[in-house]
Each structure stands twice: as structure tokens, then as C-alpha cells.
């Protein structure tokens, strides 16, 4: 769970959470913003798996609250990548 530290114009920063449920046949990911569902994704085993694959893409937006970026890799929805997965450990 990460908290958004951006200046929110005097408003209380929104709390963001990522919930992941992995089962043998499918993986479910939910993004909650201030306790409300913001995004939900299901990936089934029979679908073409893209998790762990390498893609070339363009960063569309950075989300400090999630410590992640959303990247256009040519699919319907932008891909999600954590900050710590963007920079190899040996480069840090």
C-alpha cells in the first residue's frame, strides 16, 4: 500500500491500494483509490499471457501514489510497471 504524496490543493491525499489474487486458472488485480474500486483486471490462463514479457513502449503517465507508470505497448489498455522494475538493480 502506497500513499499519494502529491500536493492536492489542501485536500487530504488519496490512499491507493493494489490488491492481487492469484489462482491456478486466473489472476485478478484491483486498484482501490480511497477505498473505492478504480480499476479491475482479470487475466485467465487460456488468454495470451503478457506478464513477464518484454515490450517496447512509451510512458503515458507516472502514478506516484502507486509508485508506478502506465505504458502504451500497443494493446487496448496501457501496461502497468512498478518504478523498481524500470531501473535494473545493477544500474542503481
PDB file of N, CA and C in Angstrom:
ATOM      1  N   UNK A   1       0.848  -1.168   0.000  1.00  0.00           N
ATOM      2  CA  UNK A   1       0.000   0.000   0.000  1.00  0.00           C
ATOM      3  C   UNK A   1       0.893   1.230   0.000  1.00  0.00           C
ATOM      4  N   UNK A   2       0.608   2.177  -0.897  1.00  0.00           N
ATOM      5  CA  UNK A   2       1.368   3.403  -1.015  1.00  0.00           C
ATOM      6  C   UNK A   2       0.426   4.576  -0.832  1.00  0.00           C
ATOM      7  N   UNK A   3       0.941   5.644  -0.300  1.00  0.00           N
ATOM      8  CA  UNK A   3       0.137   6.858  -0.161  1.00  0.00           C
ATOM      9  C   UNK A   3       0.615   7.873  -1.186  1.00  0.00           C
ATOM     10  N   UNK A   4      -0.312   8.612  -1.744  1.00  0.00           N
ATOM     11  CA  UNK A   4      -0.014   9.644  -2.718  1.00  0.00           C
ATOM     12  C   UNK A   4       0.470  10.880  -1.976  1.00  0.00           C
ATOM     13  N   UNK A   5       1.710  11.300  -2.241  1.00  0.00           N
ATOM     14  CA  UNK A   5       2.285  12.442  -1.543  1.00  0.00           C
ATOM     15  C   UNK A   5       2.168  13.734  -2.335  1.00  0.00           C
ATOM     16  N   UNK A   6       1.470  13.718  -3.472  1.00  0.00           N
ATOM     17  CA  UNK A   6       1.324  14.917  -4.286  1.00  0.00           C
ATOM     18  C   UNK A   6       0.534  15.974  -3.530  1.00  0.00           C
ATOM     19  N   UNK A   7       0.843  17.249  -3.838  1.00  0.00           N
ATOM     20  CA  UNK A   7       0.060  18.348  -3.275  1.00  0.00           C
ATOM     21  C   UNK A   7      -1.330  18.286  -3.875  1.00  0.00           C
ATOM     22  N   UNK A   8      -2.323  18.172  -3.045  1.00  0.00           N
ATOM     23  CA  UNK A   8      -3.696  18.022  -3.533  1.00  0.00           C
ATOM     24  C   UNK A   8      -4.519  19.277  -3.283  1.00  0.00           C
ATOM     25  N   UNK A   9      -3.855  20.430  -3.236  1.00  0.00           N
ATOM     26  CA  UNK A   9      -4.580  21.688  -3.064  1.00  0.00           C
ATOM     27  C   UNK A   9      -5.293  21.792  -1.735  1.00  0.00           C
ATOM     28  N   UNK A  10      -4.686  21.310  -0.651  1.00  0.00           N
ATOM     29  CA  UNK A  10      -5.291  21.387   0.664  1.00  0.00           C
ATOM     30  C   UNK A  10      -6.162  20.198   1.012  1.00  0.00           C
ATOM     31  N   UNK A  11      -6.502  19.374   0.015  1.00  0.00           N
ATOM     32  CA  UNK A  11      -7.297  18.175   0.287  1.00  0.00           C
ATOM     33  C   UNK A  11      -6.399  17.093   0.866  1.00  0.00           C
ATOM     34  N   UNK A  12      -7.010  16.189   1.580  1.00  0.00           N
ATOM     35  CA  UNK A  12      -6.288  15.048   2.123  1.00  0.00           C
ATOM     36  C   UNK A  12      -5.818  14.162   0.966  1.00  0.00           C
ATOM     37  N   UNK A  13      -4.526  13.753   0.949  1.00  0.00           N
ATOM     38  CA  UNK A  13      -4.046  12.887  -0.131  1.00  0.00           C
ATOM     39  C   UNK A  13      -4.869  11.600  -0.199  1.00  0.00           C
ATOM     40  N   UNK A  14      -5.131  11.147  -1.423  1.00  0.00           N
ATOM     41  CA  UNK A  14      -5.913   9.932  -1.597  1.00  0.00           C
ATOM     42  C   UNK A  14      -5.052   8.707  -1.333  1.00  0.00           C
ATOM     43  N   UNK A  15      -5.634   7.724  -0.690  1.00  0.00           N
ATOM     44  CA  UNK A  15      -4.952   6.476  -0.376  1.00  0.00           C
ATOM     45  C   UNK A  15      -5.197   5.504  -1.526  1.00  0.00           C
ATOM     46  N   UNK A  16      -4.129   4.922  -2.078  1.00  0.00           N
ATOM     47  CA  UNK A  16      -4.258   3.978  -3.183  1.00  0.00           C
ATOM     48  C   UNK A  16      -3.724   2.622  -2.748  1.00  0.00           C
ATOM     49  N   UNK A  17      -4.415   1.581  -3.168  1.00  0.00           N
ATOM     50  CA  UNK A  17      -4.005   0.218  -2.855  1.00  0.00           C
ATOM     51  C   UNK A  17      -4.126  -0.639  -4.108  1.00  0.00           C
ATOM     52  N   UNK A  18      -3.245  -1.644  -4.220  1.00  0.00           N
ATOM     53  CA  UNK A  18      -3.340  -2.640  -5.283  1.00  0.00           C
ATOM     54  C   UNK A  18      -3.567  -3.983  -4.607  1.00  0.00           C
ATOM     55  N   UNK A  19      -4.625  -4.668  -5.001  1.00  0.00           N
ATOM     56  CA  UNK A  19      -4.937  -5.992  -4.473  1.00  0.00           C
ATOM     57  C   UNK A  19      -4.749  -7.005  -5.594  1.00  0.00           C
ATOM     58  N   UNK A  20      -4.000  -8.077  -5.323  1.00  0.00           N
ATOM     59  CA  UNK A  20      -3.732  -9.102  -6.332  1.00  0.00           C
ATOM     60  C   UNK A  20      -4.142 -10.454  -5.773  1.00  0.00           C
ATOM     61  N   UNK A  21      -4.918 -11.203  -6.561  1.00  0.00           N
ATOM     62  CA  UNK A  21      -5.353 -12.546  -6.195  1.00  0.00           C
ATOM     63  C   UNK A  21      -4.932 -13.484  -7.317  1.00  0.00           C
ATOM     64  N   UNK A  22      -4.087 -14.473  -6.989  1.00  0.00           N
ATOM     65  CA  UNK A  22      -3.585 -15.410  -7.993  1.00  0.00           C
ATOM     66  C   UNK A  22      -4.125 -16.797  -7.696  1.00  0.00           C
ATOM     67  N   UNK A  23      -4.810 -17.358  -8.659  1.00  0.00           N
ATOM     68  CA  UNK A  23      -5.353 -18.712  -8.596  1.00  0.00           C
ATOM     69  C   UNK A  23      -4.746 -19.508  -9.750  1.00  0.00           C
ATOM     70  N   UNK A  24      -4.858 -20.840  -9.719  1.00  0.00           N
ATOM     71  CA  UNK A  24      -4.266 -21.637 -10.804  1.00  0.00           C
ATOM     72  C   UNK A  24      -4.756 -21.254 -12.208  1.00  0.00           C
ATOM     73  N   UNK A  25      -6.015 -20.860 -12.365  1.00  0.00           N
ATOM     74  CA  UNK A  25      -6.550 -20.587 -13.700  1.00  0.00           C
ATOM     75  C   UNK A  25      -6.673 -19.109 -14.050  1.00  0.00           C
ATOM     76  N   UNK A  26      -6.571 -18.210 -13.053  1.00  0.00           N
ATOM     77  CA  UNK A  26      -6.658 -16.791 -13.374  1.00  0.00           C
ATOM     78  C   UNK A  26      -6.017 -15.927 -12.292  1.00  0.00           C
ATOM     79  N   UNK A  27      -5.639 -14.730 -12.699  1.00  0.00           N
ATOM     80  CA  UNK A  27      -5.081 -13.724 -11.801  1.00  0.00           C
ATOM     81  C   UNK A  27      -5.986 -12.502 -11.860  1.00  0.00           C
ATOM     82  N   UNK A  28      -6.332 -11.960 -10.679  1.00  0.00           N
ATOM     83  CA  UNK A  28      -7.197 -10.789 -10.596  1.00  0.00           C
ATOM     84  C   UNK A  28      -6.441  -9.661  -9.889  1.00  0.00           C
ATOM     85  N   UNK A  29      -6.535  -8.458 -10.463  1.00  0.00           N
ATOM     86  CA  UNK A  29      -5.872  -7.287  -9.893  1.00  0.00           C
ATOM     87  C   UNK A  29      -6.899  -6.164  -9.767  1.00  0.00           C
ATOM     88  N   UNK A  30      -6.976  -5.584  -8.575  1.00  0.00           N
ATOM     89  CA  UNK A  30      -7.880  -4.453  -8.338  1.00  0.00           C
ATOM     90  C   UNK A  30      -7.060  -3.273  -7.830  1.00  0.00           C
ATOM     91  N   UNK A  31      -7.375  -2.082  -8.317  1.00  0.00           N
ATOM     92  CA  UNK A  31      -6.753  -0.852  -7.828  1.00  0.00           C
ATOM     93  C   UNK A  31      -7.841  -0.073  -7.098  1.00  0.00           C
ATOM     94  N   UNK A  32      -7.596   0.193  -5.806  1.00  0.00           N
ATOM     95  CA  UNK A  32      -8.546   0.952  -4.991  1.00  0.00           C
ATOM     96  C   UNK A  32      -7.997   2.351  -4.763  1.00  0.00           C
ATOM     97  N   UNK A  33      -8.863   3.336  -4.852  1.00  0.00           N
ATOM     98  CA  UNK A  33      -8.491   4.719  -4.575  1.00  0.00           C
ATOM     99  C   UNK A  33      -9.417   5.226  -3.485  1.00  0.00           C
ATOM    100  N   UNK A  34      -8.842   5.539  -2.331  1.00  0.00           N
ATOM    101  CA  UNK A  34      -9.619   5.950  -1.149  1.00  0.00           C
ATOM    102  C   UNK A  34     -10.701   4.926  -0.824  1.00  0.00           C
ATOM    103  N   UNK A  35     -10.360   3.643  -0.950  1.00  0.00           N
ATOM    104  CA  UNK A  35     -11.275   2.561  -0.604  1.00  0.00           C
ATOM    105  C   UNK A  35     -12.296   2.216  -1.671  1.00  0.00           C
ATOM    106  N   UNK A  36     -12.293   2.935  -2.797  1.00  0.00           N
ATOM    107  CA  UNK A  36     -13.257   2.675  -3.877  1.00  0.00           C
ATOM    108  C   UNK A  36     -12.533   2.066  -5.074  1.00  0.00           C
ATOM    109  N   UNK A  37     -13.194   1.123  -5.744  1.00  0.00           N
ATOM    110  CA  UNK A  37     -12.607   0.456  -6.897  1.00  0.00           C
ATOM    111  C   UNK A  37     -12.371   1.450  -8.030  1.00  0.00           C
ATOM    112  N   UNK A  38     -11.108   1.547  -8.479  1.00  0.00           N
ATOM    113  CA  UNK A  38     -10.750   2.441  -9.577  1.00  0.00           C
ATOM    114  C   UNK A  38     -10.506   1.660 -10.865  1.00  0.00           C
ATOM    115  N   UNK A  39      -9.950   0.437 -10.741  1.00  0.00           N
ATOM    116  CA  UNK A  39      -9.638  -0.374 -11.910  1.00  0.00           C
ATOM    117  C   UNK A  39      -9.636  -1.839 -11.500  1.00  0.00           C
ATOM    118  N   UNK A  40     -10.039  -2.711 -12.417  1.00  0.00           N
ATOM    119  CA  UNK A  40     -10.075  -4.147 -12.138  1.00  0.00           C
ATOM    120  C   UNK A  40      -9.666  -4.882 -13.403  1.00  0.00           C
ATOM    121  N   UNK A  41      -8.784  -5.882 -13.268  1.00  0.00           N
ATOM    122  CA  UNK A  41      -8.302  -6.631 -14.426  1.00  0.00           C
ATOM    123  C   UNK A  41      -8.259  -8.115 -14.086  1.00  0.00           C
ATOM    124  N   UNK A  42      -8.698  -8.943 -15.031  1.00  0.00           N
ATOM    125  CA  UNK A  42      -8.615 -10.402 -14.894  1.00  0.00           C
ATOM    126  C   UNK A  42      -7.800 -10.934 -16.059  1.00  0.00           C
ATOM    127  N   UNK A  43      -6.819 -11.791 -15.757  1.00  0.00           N
ATOM    128  CA  UNK A  43      -6.054 -12.477 -16.800  1.00  0.00           C
ATOM    129  C   UNK A  43      -6.229 -13.968 -16.590  1.00  0.00           C
ATOM    130  N   UNK A  44      -6.781 -14.627 -17.588  1.00  0.00           N
ATOM    131  CA  UNK A  44      -7.030 -16.068 -17.494  1.00  0.00           C
ATOM    132  C   UNK A  44      -5.902 -16.849 -18.147  1.00  0.00           C
ATOM    133  N   UNK A  45      -5.686 -18.069 -17.662  1.00  0.00           N
ATOM    134  CA  UNK A  45      -4.598 -18.908 -18.137  1.00  0.00           C
ATOM    135  C   UNK A  45      -4.694 -19.150 -19.641  1.00  0.00           C
ATOM    136  N   UNK A  46      -5.909 -19.327 -20.169  1.00  0.00           N
ATOM    137  CA  UNK A  46      -6.047 -19.613 -21.597  1.00  0.00           C
ATOM    138  C   UNK A  46      -5.833 -18.374 -22.466  1.00  0.00           C
ATOM    139  N   UNK A  47      -5.883 -17.179 -21.876  1.00  0.00           N
ATOM    140  CA  UNK A  47      -5.605 -15.952 -22.628  1.00  0.00           C
ATOM    141  C   UNK A  47      -4.113 -15.888 -22.939  1.00  0.00           C
ATOM    142  N   UNK A  48      -3.764 -15.096 -23.927  1.00  0.00           N
ATOM    143  CA  UNK A  48      -2.348 -14.898 -24.220  1.00  0.00           C
ATOM    144  C   UNK A  48      -1.720 -14.142 -23.057  1.00  0.00           C
ATOM    145  N   UNK A  49      -0.791 -14.773 -22.384  1.00  0.00           N
ATOM    146  CA  UNK A  49      -0.162 -14.157 -21.219  1.00  0.00           C
ATOM    147  C   UNK A  49       0.868 -13.138 -21.663  1.00  0.00           C
ATOM    148  N   UNK A  50       0.821 -11.978 -21.044  1.00  0.00           N
ATOM    149  CA  UNK A  50       1.804 -10.949 -21.358  1.00  0.00           C
ATOM    150  C   UNK A  50       2.662 -10.593 -20.153  1.00  0.00           C
ATOM    151  N   UNK A  51       2.255 -11.058 -18.957  1.00  0.00           N
ATOM    152  CA  UNK A  51       3.025 -10.770 -17.748  1.00  0.00           C
ATOM    153  C   UNK A  51       4.402 -11.416 -17.884  1.00  0.00           C
ATOM    154  N   UNK A  52       5.449 -10.645 -17.638  1.00  0.00           N
ATOM    155  CA  UNK A  52       6.810 -11.145 -17.720  1.00  0.00           C
ATOM    156  C   UNK A  52       7.427 -11.009 -19.103  1.00  0.00           C
ATOM    157  N   UNK A  53       6.635 -10.648 -20.104  1.00  0.00           N
ATOM    158  CA  UNK A  53       7.156 -10.461 -21.456  1.00  0.00           C
ATOM    159  C   UNK A  53       7.859  -9.110 -21.551  1.00  0.00           C
ATOM    160  N   UNK A  54       8.687  -8.962 -22.566  1.00  0.00           N
ATOM    161  CA  UNK A  54       9.418  -7.713 -22.775  1.00  0.00           C
ATOM    162  C   UNK A  54       8.776  -6.972 -23.938  1.00  0.00           C
ATOM    163  N   UNK A  55       8.456  -5.695 -23.719  1.00  0.00           N
ATOM    164  CA  UNK A  55       7.818  -4.855 -24.726  1.00  0.00           C
ATOM    165  C   UNK A  55       8.565  -3.537 -24.837  1.00  0.00           C
ATOM    166  N   UNK A  56       8.474  -2.927 -26.005  1.00  0.00           N
ATOM    167  CA  UNK A  56       8.935  -1.554 -26.185  1.00  0.00           C
ATOM    168  C   UNK A  56       7.692  -0.683 -26.113  1.00  0.00           C
ATOM    169  N   UNK A  57       7.737   0.377 -25.305  1.00  0.00           N
ATOM    170  CA  UNK A  57       6.554   1.207 -25.153  1.00  0.00           C
ATOM    171  C   UNK A  57       6.906   2.636 -24.819  1.00  0.00           C
ATOM    172  N   UNK A  58       5.870   3.447 -24.710  1.00  0.00           N
ATOM    173  CA  UNK A  58       6.025   4.862 -24.379  1.00  0.00           C
ATOM    174  C   UNK A  58       5.246   5.152 -23.102  1.00  0.00           C
ATOM    175  N   UNK A  59       5.920   5.740 -22.117  1.00  0.00           N
ATOM    176  CA  UNK A  59       5.267   6.068 -20.850  1.00  0.00           C
ATOM    177  C   UNK A  59       4.187   7.114 -21.103  1.00  0.00           C
ATOM    178  N   UNK A  60       2.971   6.809 -20.668  1.00  0.00           N
ATOM    179  CA  UNK A  60       1.841   7.720 -20.837  1.00  0.00           C
ATOM    180  C   UNK A  60       1.617   8.573 -19.594  1.00  0.00           C
ATOM    181  N   UNK A  61       1.788   7.976 -18.413  1.00  0.00           N
ATOM    182  CA  UNK A  61       1.684   8.760 -17.182  1.00  0.00           C
ATOM    183  C   UNK A  61       2.375   8.035 -16.035  1.00  0.00           C
ATOM    184  N   UNK A  62       2.884   8.843 -15.103  1.00  0.00           N
ATOM    185  CA  UNK A  62       3.510   8.329 -13.889  1.00  0.00           C
ATOM    186  C   UNK A  62       2.517   8.488 -12.753  1.00  0.00           C
ATOM    187  N   UNK A  63       2.452   7.482 -11.899  1.00  0.00           N
ATOM    188  CA  UNK A  63       1.500   7.495 -10.782  1.00  0.00           C
ATOM    189  C   UNK A  63       2.296   7.334  -9.493  1.00  0.00           C
ATOM    190  N   UNK A  64       2.680   8.474  -8.886  1.00  0.00           N
ATOM    191  CA  UNK A  64       3.491   8.434  -7.672  1.00  0.00           C
ATOM    192  C   UNK A  64       2.800   7.691  -6.538  1.00  0.00           C
ATOM    193  N   UNK A  65       1.480   7.803  -6.447  1.00  0.00           N
ATOM    194  CA  UNK A  65       0.739   7.128  -5.380  1.00  0.00           C
ATOM    195  C   UNK A  65       0.878   5.617  -5.437  1.00  0.00           C
ATOM    196  N   UNK A  66       1.024   5.071  -6.640  1.00  0.00           N
ATOM    197  CA  UNK A  66       1.210   3.627  -6.816  1.00  0.00           C
ATOM    198  C   UNK A  66       2.677   3.275  -7.009  1.00  0.00           C
ATOM    199  N   UNK A  67       3.531   4.281  -7.097  1.00  0.00           N
ATOM    200  CA  UNK A  67       4.944   4.121  -7.420  1.00  0.00           C
ATOM    201  C   UNK A  67       5.079   3.295  -8.694  1.00  0.00           C
ATOM    202  N   UNK A  68       4.391   3.764  -9.740  1.00  0.00           N
ATOM    203  CA  UNK A  68       4.340   3.012 -10.987  1.00  0.00           C
ATOM    204  C   UNK A  68       4.125   3.939 -12.177  1.00  0.00           C
ATOM    205  N   UNK A  69       4.234   3.339 -13.365  1.00  0.00           N
ATOM    206  CA  UNK A  69       3.962   4.051 -14.612  1.00  0.00           C
ATOM    207  C   UNK A  69       2.993   3.230 -15.438  1.00  0.00           C
ATOM    208  N   UNK A  70       2.240   3.927 -16.279  1.00  0.00           N
ATOM    209  CA  UNK A  70       1.371   3.270 -17.247  1.00  0.00           C
ATOM    210  C   UNK A  70       1.987   3.515 -18.618  1.00  0.00           C
ATOM    211  N   UNK A  71       2.200   2.425 -19.376  1.00  0.00           N
ATOM    212  CA  UNK A  71       2.970   2.470 -20.612  1.00  0.00           C
ATOM    213  C   UNK A  71       2.133   1.970 -21.783  1.00  0.00           C
ATOM    214  N   UNK A  72       2.154   2.725 -22.891  1.00  0.00           N
ATOM    215  CA  UNK A  72       1.475   2.308 -24.116  1.00  0.00           C
ATOM    216  C   UNK A  72       2.369   1.297 -24.825  1.00  0.00           C
ATOM    217  N   UNK A  73       1.914   0.028 -24.888  1.00  0.00           N
ATOM    218  CA  UNK A  73       2.669  -1.021 -25.579  1.00  0.00           C
ATOM    219  C   UNK A  73       1.888  -1.556 -26.778  1.00  0.00           C
ATOM    220  N   UNK A  74       0.863  -0.809 -27.180  1.00  0.00           N
ATOM    221  CA  UNK A  74       0.105  -1.190 -28.360  1.00  0.00           C
ATOM    222  C   UNK A  74      -1.110  -2.057 -28.108  1.00  0.00           C
ATOM    223  N   UNK A  75      -1.495  -2.236 -26.846  1.00  0.00           N
ATOM    224  CA  UNK A  75      -2.684  -3.012 -26.515  1.00  0.00           C
ATOM    225  C   UNK A  75      -3.848  -2.064 -26.233  1.00  0.00           C
ATOM    226  N   UNK A  76      -5.042  -2.621 -25.982  1.00  0.00           N
ATOM    227  CA  UNK A  76      -6.220  -1.786 -25.696  1.00  0.00           C
ATOM    228  C   UNK A  76      -5.988  -0.871 -24.499  1.00  0.00           C
ATOM    229  N   UNK A  77      -5.389  -1.432 -23.444  1.00  0.00           N
ATOM    230  CA  UNK A  77      -5.117  -0.661 -22.226  1.00  0.00           C
ATOM    231  C   UNK A  77      -3.612  -0.504 -22.056  1.00  0.00           C
ATOM    232  N   UNK A  78      -3.224   0.564 -21.384  1.00  0.00           N
ATOM    233  CA  UNK A  78      -1.812   0.773 -21.094  1.00  0.00           C
ATOM    234  C   UNK A  78      -1.322  -0.264 -20.098  1.00  0.00           C
ATOM    235  N   UNK A  79      -0.061  -0.658 -20.248  1.00  0.00           N
ATOM    236  CA  UNK A  79       0.564  -1.619 -19.338  1.00  0.00           C
ATOM    237  C   UNK A  79       0.966  -0.909 -18.047  1.00  0.00           C
ATOM    238  N   UNK A  80       1.111  -1.676 -16.972  1.00  0.00           N
ATOM    239  CA  UNK A  80       1.454  -1.175 -15.641  1.00  0.00           C
ATOM    240  C   UNK A  80       2.833  -1.704 -15.282  1.00  0.00           C
ATOM    241  N   UNK A  81       3.715  -0.826 -14.808  1.00  0.00           N
ATOM    242  CA  UNK A  81       5.035  -1.265 -14.364  1.00  0.00           C
ATOM    243  C   UNK A  81       5.416  -0.479 -13.110  1.00  0.00           C
ATOM    244  N   UNK A  82       5.926  -1.196 -12.096  1.00  0.00           N
ATOM    245  CA  UNK A  82       6.384  -0.555 -10.858  1.00  0.00           C
ATOM    246  C   UNK A  82       7.679   0.201 -11.124  1.00  0.00           C
ATOM    247  N   UNK A  83       7.907   1.279 -10.365  1.00  0.00           N
ATOM    248  CA  UNK A  83       9.135   2.055 -10.506  1.00  0.00           C
ATOM    249  C   UNK A  83      10.365   1.161 -10.379  1.00  0.00           C
ATOM    250  N   UNK A  84      10.351   0.253  -9.402  1.00  0.00           N
ATOM    251  CA  UNK A  84      11.551  -0.550  -9.155  1.00  0.00           C
ATOM    252  C   UNK A  84      11.806  -1.563 -10.269  1.00  0.00           C
ATOM    253  N   UNK A  85      10.862  -1.803 -11.151  1.00  0.00           N
ATOM    254  CA  UNK A  85      11.081  -2.691 -12.295  1.00  0.00           C
ATOM    255  C   UNK A  85      11.591  -1.931 -13.514  1.00  0.00           C
ATOM    256  N   UNK A  86      11.604  -0.604 -13.457  1.00  0.00           N
ATOM    257  CA  UNK A  86      12.040   0.196 -14.604  1.00  0.00           C
ATOM    258  C   UNK A  86      13.552   0.346 -14.669  1.00  0.00           C
ATOM    259  N   UNK A  87      14.207   0.346 -13.524  1.00  0.00           N
ATOM    260  CA  UNK A  87      15.651   0.557 -13.479  1.00  0.00           C
ATOM    261  C   UNK A  87      16.306  -0.714 -12.948  1.00  0.00           C
ATOM    262  N   UNK A  88      17.170  -1.353 -13.762  1.00  0.00           N
ATOM    263  CA  UNK A  88      17.840  -2.573 -13.293  1.00  0.00           C
ATOM    264  C   UNK A  88      18.633  -2.312 -12.016  1.00  0.00           C
ATOM    265  N   UNK A  89      18.691  -3.317 -11.137  1.00  0.00           N
ATOM    266  CA  UNK A  89      19.387  -3.170  -9.852  1.00  0.00           C
ATOM    267  C   UNK A  89      20.845  -2.775 -10.031  1.00  0.00           C
ATOM    268  N   UNK A  90      21.530  -3.332 -11.044  1.00  0.00           N
ATOM    269  CA  UNK A  90      22.948  -3.041 -11.222  1.00  0.00           C
ATOM    270  C   UNK A  90      23.195  -1.623 -11.747  1.00  0.00           C
ATOM    271  N   UNK A  91      22.142  -0.929 -12.211  1.00  0.00           N
ATOM    272  CA  UNK A  91      22.288   0.448 -12.686  1.00  0.00           C
ATOM    273  C   UNK A  91      22.066   1.454 -11.565  1.00  0.00           C
ATOM    274  N   UNK A  92      21.502   1.005 -10.460  1.00  0.00           N
ATOM    275  CA  UNK A  92      21.179   1.924  -9.356  1.00  0.00           C
ATOM    276  C   UNK A  92      22.396   2.262  -8.536  1.00  0.00           C
TER     277      UNK A  92
END
